[in-house]
Amino acid sequence: MMMKNLPKAVRNKAIQIANALLAKTKLKTGIIIATAIRNAKKWAYRRSIPSKSYWQNLNNNINKSK
Protein backbone atom coordinates (compact mmCIF):
# COMPACT_ATOMS: atom_id res chain seq x y z
CA MET A 1 0.00 0.00 0.00
CA MET A 2 1.27 3.39 -0.89
CA MET A 3 0.37 6.50 1.04
CA LYS A 4 -0.66 8.35 -2.13
CA ASN A 5 -3.61 5.95 -2.45
CA LEU A 6 -4.98 6.85 0.97
CA PRO A 7 -7.65 9.50 1.57
CA LYS A 8 -6.09 12.82 2.54
CA ALA A 9 -7.03 12.67 6.25
CA VAL A 10 -5.72 9.11 6.60
CA ARG A 11 -2.54 9.94 4.66
CA ASN A 12 -1.86 12.96 6.89
CA LYS A 13 -2.34 10.83 10.01
CA ALA A 14 -0.05 8.13 8.59
CA ILE A 15 2.64 10.76 7.99
CA GLN A 16 2.28 11.99 11.58
CA ILE A 17 2.61 8.45 12.90
CA ALA A 18 5.57 7.69 10.63
CA ASN A 19 7.39 10.83 11.73
CA ALA A 20 6.83 9.96 15.39
CA LEU A 21 8.12 6.43 14.83
CA LEU A 22 11.17 7.73 12.98
CA ALA A 23 11.98 10.01 15.92
CA LYS A 24 11.44 7.35 18.59
CA THR A 25 12.64 4.09 17.06
CA LYS A 26 15.36 2.61 14.90
CA LEU A 27 13.03 0.51 12.77
CA LYS A 28 13.57 0.15 9.04
CA THR A 29 11.71 2.65 6.89
CA GLY A 30 9.50 0.01 5.25
CA ILE A 31 8.36 -1.27 8.65
CA ILE A 32 7.65 2.28 9.81
CA ILE A 33 5.57 3.07 6.73
CA ALA A 34 3.56 -0.17 6.97
CA THR A 35 2.95 0.39 10.69
CA ALA A 36 1.96 4.02 10.14
CA ILE A 37 -0.52 3.11 7.39
CA ARG A 38 -2.05 0.31 9.46
CA ASN A 39 -2.45 2.56 12.50
CA ALA A 40 -3.82 5.45 10.44
CA LYS A 41 -6.46 3.13 8.95
CA LYS A 42 -7.43 2.02 12.45
CA TRP A 43 -7.60 5.68 13.50
CA ALA A 44 -9.89 6.46 10.54
CA TYR A 45 -12.10 3.44 11.20
CA ARG A 46 -12.60 4.43 14.85
CA ARG A 47 -13.62 7.91 13.70
CA SER A 48 -15.88 6.62 10.92
CA ILE A 49 -13.82 8.30 8.19
CA PRO A 50 -14.84 6.65 4.90
CA SER A 51 -12.16 4.91 2.87
CA LYS A 52 -11.21 5.91 -0.67
CA SER A 53 -12.98 2.81 -2.00
CA TYR A 54 -16.19 3.96 -0.30
CA TRP A 55 -16.13 7.21 -2.32
CA GLN A 56 -15.19 5.39 -5.52
CA ASN A 57 -18.09 2.95 -5.10
CA LEU A 58 -20.46 5.82 -4.35
CA ASN A 59 -19.35 7.68 -7.49
CA ASN A 60 -19.66 4.51 -9.60
CA ASN A 61 -23.21 3.94 -8.34
CA ILE A 62 -24.16 7.53 -9.10
CA ASN A 63 -22.72 7.32 -12.62
CA LYS A 64 -24.56 4.03 -13.31
CA SER A 65 -27.90 5.57 -12.32
CA LYS A 66 -27.59 8.41 -14.88
C-alpha atoms as a PDB file:
ATOM      1  CA  MET A   1       0.000   0.000   0.000  1.00  0.00           C
ATOM      2  CA  MET A   2       1.273   3.394  -0.894  1.00  0.00           C
ATOM      3  CA  MET A   3       0.366   6.504   1.036  1.00  0.00           C
ATOM      4  CA  LYS A   4      -0.661   8.354  -2.130  1.00  0.00           C
ATOM      5  CA  ASN A   5      -3.612   5.950  -2.450  1.00  0.00           C
ATOM      6  CA  LEU A   6      -4.984   6.855   0.973  1.00  0.00           C
ATOM      7  CA  PRO A   7      -7.652   9.495   1.574  1.00  0.00           C
ATOM      8  CA  LYS A   8      -6.087  12.818   2.542  1.00  0.00           C
ATOM      9  CA  ALA A   9      -7.028  12.671   6.248  1.00  0.00           C
ATOM     10  CA  VAL A  10      -5.719   9.114   6.600  1.00  0.00           C
ATOM     11  CA  ARG A  11      -2.544   9.943   4.659  1.00  0.00           C
ATOM     12  CA  ASN A  12      -1.861  12.957   6.892  1.00  0.00           C
ATOM     13  CA  LYS A  13      -2.344  10.834  10.010  1.00  0.00           C
ATOM     14  CA  ALA A  14      -0.051   8.130   8.587  1.00  0.00           C
ATOM     15  CA  ILE A  15       2.635  10.763   7.989  1.00  0.00           C
ATOM     16  CA  GLN A  16       2.277  11.992  11.579  1.00  0.00           C
ATOM     17  CA  ILE A  17       2.606   8.453  12.896  1.00  0.00           C
ATOM     18  CA  ALA A  18       5.568   7.689  10.630  1.00  0.00           C
ATOM     19  CA  ASN A  19       7.395  10.829  11.732  1.00  0.00           C
ATOM     20  CA  ALA A  20       6.829   9.962  15.385  1.00  0.00           C
ATOM     21  CA  LEU A  21       8.118   6.428  14.830  1.00  0.00           C
ATOM     22  CA  LEU A  22      11.168   7.734  12.983  1.00  0.00           C
ATOM     23  CA  ALA A  23      11.983  10.006  15.916  1.00  0.00           C
ATOM     24  CA  LYS A  24      11.445   7.353  18.594  1.00  0.00           C
ATOM     25  CA  THR A  25      12.638   4.087  17.058  1.00  0.00           C
ATOM     26  CA  LYS A  26      15.359   2.609  14.895  1.00  0.00           C
ATOM     27  CA  LEU A  27      13.027   0.505  12.772  1.00  0.00           C
ATOM     28  CA  LYS A  28      13.567   0.155   9.042  1.00  0.00           C
ATOM     29  CA  THR A  29      11.713   2.654   6.888  1.00  0.00           C
ATOM     30  CA  GLY A  30       9.502   0.006   5.252  1.00  0.00           C
ATOM     31  CA  ILE A  31       8.357  -1.266   8.646  1.00  0.00           C
ATOM     32  CA  ILE A  32       7.653   2.278   9.811  1.00  0.00           C
ATOM     33  CA  ILE A  33       5.567   3.065   6.726  1.00  0.00           C
ATOM     34  CA  ALA A  34       3.560  -0.165   6.970  1.00  0.00           C
ATOM     35  CA  THR A  35       2.946   0.391  10.689  1.00  0.00           C
ATOM     36  CA  ALA A  36       1.956   4.020  10.137  1.00  0.00           C
ATOM     37  CA  ILE A  37      -0.524   3.112   7.393  1.00  0.00           C
ATOM     38  CA  ARG A  38      -2.054   0.312   9.460  1.00  0.00           C
ATOM     39  CA  ASN A  39      -2.446   2.557  12.505  1.00  0.00           C
ATOM     40  CA  ALA A  40      -3.821   5.448  10.440  1.00  0.00           C
ATOM     41  CA  LYS A  41      -6.456   3.130   8.949  1.00  0.00           C
ATOM     42  CA  LYS A  42      -7.435   2.017  12.452  1.00  0.00           C
ATOM     43  CA  TRP A  43      -7.600   5.676  13.495  1.00  0.00           C
ATOM     44  CA  ALA A  44      -9.891   6.460  10.540  1.00  0.00           C
ATOM     45  CA  TYR A  45     -12.102   3.437  11.202  1.00  0.00           C
ATOM     46  CA  ARG A  46     -12.603   4.432  14.852  1.00  0.00           C
ATOM     47  CA  ARG A  47     -13.622   7.908  13.704  1.00  0.00           C
ATOM     48  CA  SER A  48     -15.883   6.621  10.925  1.00  0.00           C
ATOM     49  CA  ILE A  49     -13.822   8.301   8.194  1.00  0.00           C
ATOM     50  CA  PRO A  50     -14.836   6.652   4.905  1.00  0.00           C
ATOM     51  CA  SER A  51     -12.159   4.912   2.874  1.00  0.00           C
ATOM     52  CA  LYS A  52     -11.213   5.914  -0.672  1.00  0.00           C
ATOM     53  CA  SER A  53     -12.981   2.809  -2.004  1.00  0.00           C
ATOM     54  CA  TYR A  54     -16.191   3.962  -0.304  1.00  0.00           C
ATOM     55  CA  TRP A  55     -16.126   7.206  -2.315  1.00  0.00           C
ATOM     56  CA  GLN A  56     -15.192   5.386  -5.516  1.00  0.00           C
ATOM     57  CA  ASN A  57     -18.094   2.948  -5.096  1.00  0.00           C
ATOM     58  CA  LEU A  58     -20.459   5.818  -4.352  1.00  0.00           C
ATOM     59  CA  ASN A  59     -19.346   7.675  -7.493  1.00  0.00           C
ATOM     60  CA  ASN A  60     -19.663   4.515  -9.600  1.00  0.00           C
ATOM     61  CA  ASN A  61     -23.206   3.935  -8.342  1.00  0.00           C
ATOM     62  CA  ILE A  62     -24.165   7.534  -9.101  1.00  0.00           C
ATOM     63  CA  ASN A  63     -22.715   7.319 -12.625  1.00  0.00           C
ATOM     64  CA  LYS A  64     -24.562   4.033 -13.313  1.00  0.00           C
ATOM     65  CA  SER A  65     -27.904   5.570 -12.323  1.00  0.00           C
ATOM     66  CA  LYS A  66     -27.589   8.411 -14.881  1.00  0.00           C
END
